[in-house]
N, C-alpha and C. Protein backbone atom coordinates (compact mmCIF):
# COMPACT_ATOMS: atom_id res chain seq x y z
N MET A 1 -11.74 -5.29 -30.72
CA MET A 1 -10.78 -4.23 -30.54
C MET A 1 -10.02 -4.03 -31.85
N GLN A 2 -9.73 -2.78 -32.17
CA GLN A 2 -9.06 -2.45 -33.43
C GLN A 2 -7.81 -1.62 -33.15
N ILE A 3 -7.04 -1.41 -34.20
CA ILE A 3 -5.80 -0.62 -34.08
C ILE A 3 -6.10 0.77 -33.55
N LYS A 4 -7.24 1.35 -33.97
CA LYS A 4 -7.60 2.69 -33.48
C LYS A 4 -7.73 2.70 -31.96
N ASP A 5 -8.26 1.61 -31.40
CA ASP A 5 -8.40 1.52 -29.94
C ASP A 5 -7.02 1.49 -29.27
N VAL A 6 -6.10 0.74 -29.85
CA VAL A 6 -4.73 0.67 -29.31
C VAL A 6 -4.07 2.04 -29.41
N GLU A 7 -4.25 2.72 -30.52
CA GLU A 7 -3.67 4.06 -30.69
C GLU A 7 -4.25 5.03 -29.67
N ASN A 8 -5.56 4.91 -29.42
CA ASN A 8 -6.20 5.78 -28.43
C ASN A 8 -5.64 5.52 -27.04
N LEU A 9 -5.47 4.24 -26.68
CA LEU A 9 -4.89 3.90 -25.39
C LEU A 9 -3.46 4.41 -25.26
N ALA A 10 -2.69 4.29 -26.34
CA ALA A 10 -1.31 4.78 -26.34
C ALA A 10 -1.28 6.29 -26.16
N GLN A 11 -2.21 6.97 -26.80
CA GLN A 11 -2.28 8.43 -26.66
C GLN A 11 -2.64 8.81 -25.23
N LEU A 12 -3.61 8.10 -24.64
CA LEU A 12 -3.99 8.38 -23.25
C LEU A 12 -2.83 8.11 -22.29
N ALA A 13 -2.04 7.07 -22.58
CA ALA A 13 -0.90 6.73 -21.73
C ALA A 13 0.32 7.57 -22.07
N ARG A 14 0.20 8.36 -23.13
CA ARG A 14 1.29 9.24 -23.59
C ARG A 14 2.55 8.45 -23.90
N ILE A 15 2.36 7.37 -24.65
CA ILE A 15 3.50 6.59 -25.10
C ILE A 15 3.45 6.48 -26.62
N GLU A 16 4.60 6.37 -27.23
CA GLU A 16 4.68 6.21 -28.68
C GLU A 16 4.92 4.74 -28.98
N LEU A 17 4.15 4.23 -29.94
CA LEU A 17 4.28 2.83 -30.32
C LEU A 17 4.53 2.73 -31.83
N SER A 18 5.39 1.80 -32.19
CA SER A 18 5.60 1.53 -33.62
C SER A 18 4.42 0.70 -34.10
N SER A 19 4.30 0.56 -35.40
CA SER A 19 3.18 -0.21 -35.94
C SER A 19 3.26 -1.68 -35.52
N SER A 20 4.48 -2.22 -35.42
CA SER A 20 4.61 -3.61 -34.98
C SER A 20 4.21 -3.77 -33.50
N GLU A 21 4.55 -2.78 -32.68
CA GLU A 21 4.15 -2.81 -31.27
C GLU A 21 2.63 -2.71 -31.14
N LYS A 22 2.02 -1.90 -31.98
CA LYS A 22 0.55 -1.77 -31.97
C LYS A 22 -0.10 -3.10 -32.32
N GLU A 23 0.44 -3.78 -33.31
CA GLU A 23 -0.10 -5.08 -33.72
C GLU A 23 0.05 -6.10 -32.59
N GLU A 24 1.20 -6.09 -31.95
CA GLU A 24 1.46 -7.03 -30.86
C GLU A 24 0.51 -6.77 -29.69
N ILE A 25 0.32 -5.50 -29.35
CA ILE A 25 -0.60 -5.16 -28.26
C ILE A 25 -2.02 -5.53 -28.62
N LEU A 26 -2.40 -5.34 -29.89
CA LEU A 26 -3.74 -5.71 -30.34
C LEU A 26 -3.98 -7.21 -30.16
N LYS A 27 -2.97 -8.03 -30.52
CA LYS A 27 -3.08 -9.48 -30.34
C LYS A 27 -3.21 -9.83 -28.86
N ASP A 28 -2.39 -9.18 -28.02
CA ASP A 28 -2.45 -9.43 -26.58
C ASP A 28 -3.81 -9.05 -26.01
N MET A 29 -4.32 -7.90 -26.42
CA MET A 29 -5.61 -7.44 -25.91
C MET A 29 -6.73 -8.37 -26.36
N ASP A 30 -6.66 -8.84 -27.61
CA ASP A 30 -7.67 -9.78 -28.10
C ASP A 30 -7.66 -11.07 -27.28
N SER A 31 -6.47 -11.57 -26.96
CA SER A 31 -6.40 -12.81 -26.17
C SER A 31 -6.89 -12.57 -24.74
N ILE A 32 -6.61 -11.40 -24.18
CA ILE A 32 -7.09 -11.07 -22.84
C ILE A 32 -8.61 -10.98 -22.83
N LEU A 33 -9.18 -10.31 -23.83
CA LEU A 33 -10.64 -10.19 -23.91
C LEU A 33 -11.29 -11.56 -24.13
N GLU A 34 -10.66 -12.42 -24.90
CA GLU A 34 -11.19 -13.77 -25.11
C GLU A 34 -11.18 -14.56 -23.80
N TYR A 35 -10.14 -14.41 -23.04
CA TYR A 35 -10.05 -15.08 -21.74
C TYR A 35 -11.14 -14.58 -20.80
N ILE A 36 -11.39 -13.28 -20.81
CA ILE A 36 -12.45 -12.71 -19.97
C ILE A 36 -13.80 -13.27 -20.38
N LYS A 37 -14.03 -13.44 -21.67
CA LYS A 37 -15.29 -14.03 -22.14
C LYS A 37 -15.44 -15.45 -21.61
N GLN A 38 -14.35 -16.20 -21.60
CA GLN A 38 -14.40 -17.57 -21.08
C GLN A 38 -14.75 -17.57 -19.59
N ILE A 39 -14.17 -16.64 -18.86
CA ILE A 39 -14.45 -16.56 -17.42
C ILE A 39 -15.91 -16.18 -17.18
N GLU A 40 -16.42 -15.27 -17.99
CA GLU A 40 -17.81 -14.85 -17.83
C GLU A 40 -18.79 -15.99 -18.09
N GLN A 41 -18.41 -16.97 -18.88
CA GLN A 41 -19.30 -18.08 -19.20
C GLN A 41 -19.31 -19.16 -18.12
N LEU A 42 -18.41 -19.11 -17.19
CA LEU A 42 -18.36 -20.11 -16.13
C LEU A 42 -19.59 -19.97 -15.23
N PRO A 43 -20.14 -21.09 -14.80
CA PRO A 43 -21.30 -21.01 -13.89
C PRO A 43 -20.86 -20.48 -12.53
N ILE A 44 -21.69 -19.66 -11.99
CA ILE A 44 -21.39 -19.08 -10.68
C ILE A 44 -22.22 -19.81 -9.64
N LYS A 45 -21.55 -20.34 -8.67
CA LYS A 45 -22.23 -21.04 -7.58
C LYS A 45 -22.54 -20.04 -6.47
N ASP A 46 -23.72 -20.19 -5.91
CA ASP A 46 -24.06 -19.35 -4.78
C ASP A 46 -23.35 -19.88 -3.55
N VAL A 47 -22.49 -19.07 -3.03
CA VAL A 47 -21.73 -19.47 -1.86
C VAL A 47 -22.17 -18.58 -0.71
N GLU A 48 -22.69 -19.21 0.31
CA GLU A 48 -23.09 -18.45 1.48
C GLU A 48 -22.04 -18.65 2.56
N GLN A 49 -21.54 -17.55 3.01
CA GLN A 49 -20.57 -17.61 4.10
C GLN A 49 -21.06 -16.69 5.20
N GLU A 50 -20.91 -17.16 6.39
CA GLU A 50 -21.32 -16.36 7.52
C GLU A 50 -20.10 -15.63 8.07
N PHE A 51 -20.21 -14.34 8.10
CA PHE A 51 -19.13 -13.53 8.63
C PHE A 51 -19.62 -12.85 9.90
N THR A 52 -18.82 -12.91 10.90
CA THR A 52 -19.15 -12.16 12.11
C THR A 52 -18.21 -10.98 12.19
N LEU A 53 -18.79 -9.83 12.27
CA LEU A 53 -18.00 -8.61 12.35
C LEU A 53 -17.77 -8.27 13.81
N HIS A 54 -16.55 -7.97 14.13
CA HIS A 54 -16.24 -7.54 15.48
C HIS A 54 -15.06 -6.59 15.42
N ASN A 55 -15.02 -5.75 16.39
CA ASN A 55 -13.96 -4.75 16.47
C ASN A 55 -12.69 -5.41 16.99
N VAL A 56 -11.61 -5.25 16.26
CA VAL A 56 -10.35 -5.86 16.68
C VAL A 56 -9.46 -4.86 17.43
N TRP A 57 -9.94 -3.64 17.55
CA TRP A 57 -9.15 -2.62 18.24
C TRP A 57 -9.46 -2.66 19.72
N ARG A 58 -8.50 -2.34 20.51
CA ARG A 58 -8.71 -2.25 21.95
C ARG A 58 -8.71 -0.79 22.34
N GLU A 59 -9.28 -0.52 23.46
CA GLU A 59 -9.29 0.84 23.97
C GLU A 59 -7.88 1.21 24.43
N ASP A 60 -7.48 2.44 24.18
CA ASP A 60 -6.19 2.93 24.66
C ASP A 60 -6.32 3.26 26.14
N THR A 61 -5.42 2.73 26.89
CA THR A 61 -5.40 3.03 28.32
C THR A 61 -4.00 3.39 28.74
N LEU A 62 -3.91 4.31 29.65
CA LEU A 62 -2.62 4.73 30.18
C LEU A 62 -2.33 3.90 31.41
N GLU A 63 -1.24 3.19 31.37
CA GLU A 63 -0.87 2.34 32.48
C GLU A 63 0.53 2.71 32.95
N PRO A 64 0.63 3.64 33.87
CA PRO A 64 1.96 4.05 34.34
C PRO A 64 2.61 2.92 35.14
N GLU A 65 3.92 2.87 35.05
CA GLU A 65 4.66 1.85 35.78
C GLU A 65 5.14 2.44 37.10
N ASN A 66 4.72 1.85 38.18
CA ASN A 66 5.15 2.29 39.49
C ASN A 66 5.69 1.11 40.26
N PRO A 67 6.89 1.02 40.64
CA PRO A 67 8.02 1.79 40.14
C PRO A 67 8.45 1.31 38.76
N PRO A 68 9.17 2.14 38.00
CA PRO A 68 9.63 1.70 36.67
C PRO A 68 10.52 0.47 36.79
N GLU A 69 10.34 -0.45 35.86
CA GLU A 69 11.15 -1.67 35.86
C GLU A 69 12.59 -1.36 35.47
N ALA A 70 13.50 -2.17 35.95
CA ALA A 70 14.91 -2.00 35.60
C ALA A 70 15.08 -2.21 34.11
N GLY A 71 15.86 -1.37 33.48
CA GLY A 71 16.11 -1.51 32.05
C GLY A 71 15.12 -0.73 31.20
N LYS A 72 14.06 -0.17 31.78
CA LYS A 72 13.11 0.63 31.03
C LYS A 72 13.65 2.04 30.92
N PHE A 73 13.25 2.73 29.88
CA PHE A 73 13.72 4.09 29.65
C PHE A 73 12.66 5.09 30.06
N SER A 74 13.10 6.19 30.55
CA SER A 74 12.20 7.31 30.85
C SER A 74 12.76 8.52 30.12
N LYS A 75 11.93 9.53 29.97
CA LYS A 75 12.37 10.75 29.28
C LYS A 75 13.59 11.34 29.97
N GLU A 76 13.54 11.38 31.29
CA GLU A 76 14.64 11.97 32.04
C GLU A 76 15.94 11.18 31.86
N LEU A 77 15.83 9.86 31.86
CA LEU A 77 17.00 9.01 31.70
C LEU A 77 17.62 9.22 30.32
N ILE A 78 16.79 9.32 29.30
CA ILE A 78 17.30 9.53 27.94
C ILE A 78 17.98 10.88 27.83
N ILE A 79 17.34 11.94 28.35
CA ILE A 79 17.93 13.28 28.28
C ILE A 79 19.25 13.31 29.06
N GLU A 80 19.28 12.62 30.19
CA GLU A 80 20.49 12.59 31.01
C GLU A 80 21.65 11.92 30.27
N GLN A 81 21.36 10.88 29.49
CA GLN A 81 22.41 10.13 28.81
C GLN A 81 22.77 10.70 27.44
N PHE A 82 21.95 11.60 26.90
CA PHE A 82 22.21 12.15 25.57
C PHE A 82 23.36 13.15 25.66
N PRO A 83 24.23 13.17 24.65
CA PRO A 83 25.42 14.04 24.75
C PRO A 83 25.10 15.53 24.82
N ASN A 84 24.01 15.98 24.23
CA ASN A 84 23.73 17.41 24.20
C ASN A 84 22.23 17.63 24.35
N SER A 85 21.83 18.35 25.40
CA SER A 85 20.41 18.64 25.61
C SER A 85 20.27 20.05 26.18
N GLN A 86 19.06 20.59 26.03
CA GLN A 86 18.81 21.93 26.55
C GLN A 86 17.32 22.06 26.82
N ASP A 87 16.96 22.53 27.99
CA ASP A 87 15.57 22.76 28.40
C ASP A 87 14.68 21.54 28.19
N GLY A 88 15.20 20.37 28.45
CA GLY A 88 14.40 19.16 28.34
C GLY A 88 14.28 18.61 26.92
N PHE A 89 15.04 19.17 25.98
CA PHE A 89 15.01 18.70 24.59
C PHE A 89 16.39 18.20 24.20
N LEU A 90 16.42 17.26 23.26
CA LEU A 90 17.68 16.74 22.74
C LEU A 90 18.16 17.64 21.62
N LYS A 91 19.42 18.04 21.68
CA LYS A 91 19.97 18.91 20.65
C LYS A 91 20.74 18.05 19.65
N VAL A 92 20.43 18.22 18.37
CA VAL A 92 21.11 17.49 17.31
C VAL A 92 21.67 18.47 16.30
N LYS A 93 22.56 17.99 15.43
CA LYS A 93 23.14 18.85 14.42
C LYS A 93 22.10 19.24 13.40
N LYS A 94 22.24 20.46 12.88
CA LYS A 94 21.33 20.98 11.86
C LYS A 94 21.54 20.17 10.57
N ILE A 95 20.44 19.76 9.97
CA ILE A 95 20.53 18.94 8.76
C ILE A 95 20.56 19.80 7.51
N MET A 96 19.75 20.81 7.48
CA MET A 96 19.66 21.64 6.26
C MET A 96 20.18 23.03 6.54
């Protein structure tokens, strides 16, 4: 990697770098690339793992409560307790 490469990356990222910053980034990039080379030289072991794929989702089912349990909310109960409602809808203050 060379200074031209750092300048090109800086241009693509639309950032301005001083010459000292370019040198520092060049050193950092060189050390990163050297580390990657070391990793590439490591022996790769064949690891076989058995994965079983299964669906973790359940089917949606409608289960009405008959009779509703105490403490549960219903649409009618909420509308009844709300301070302001009209035609089955809750009325709130205009935001915008």
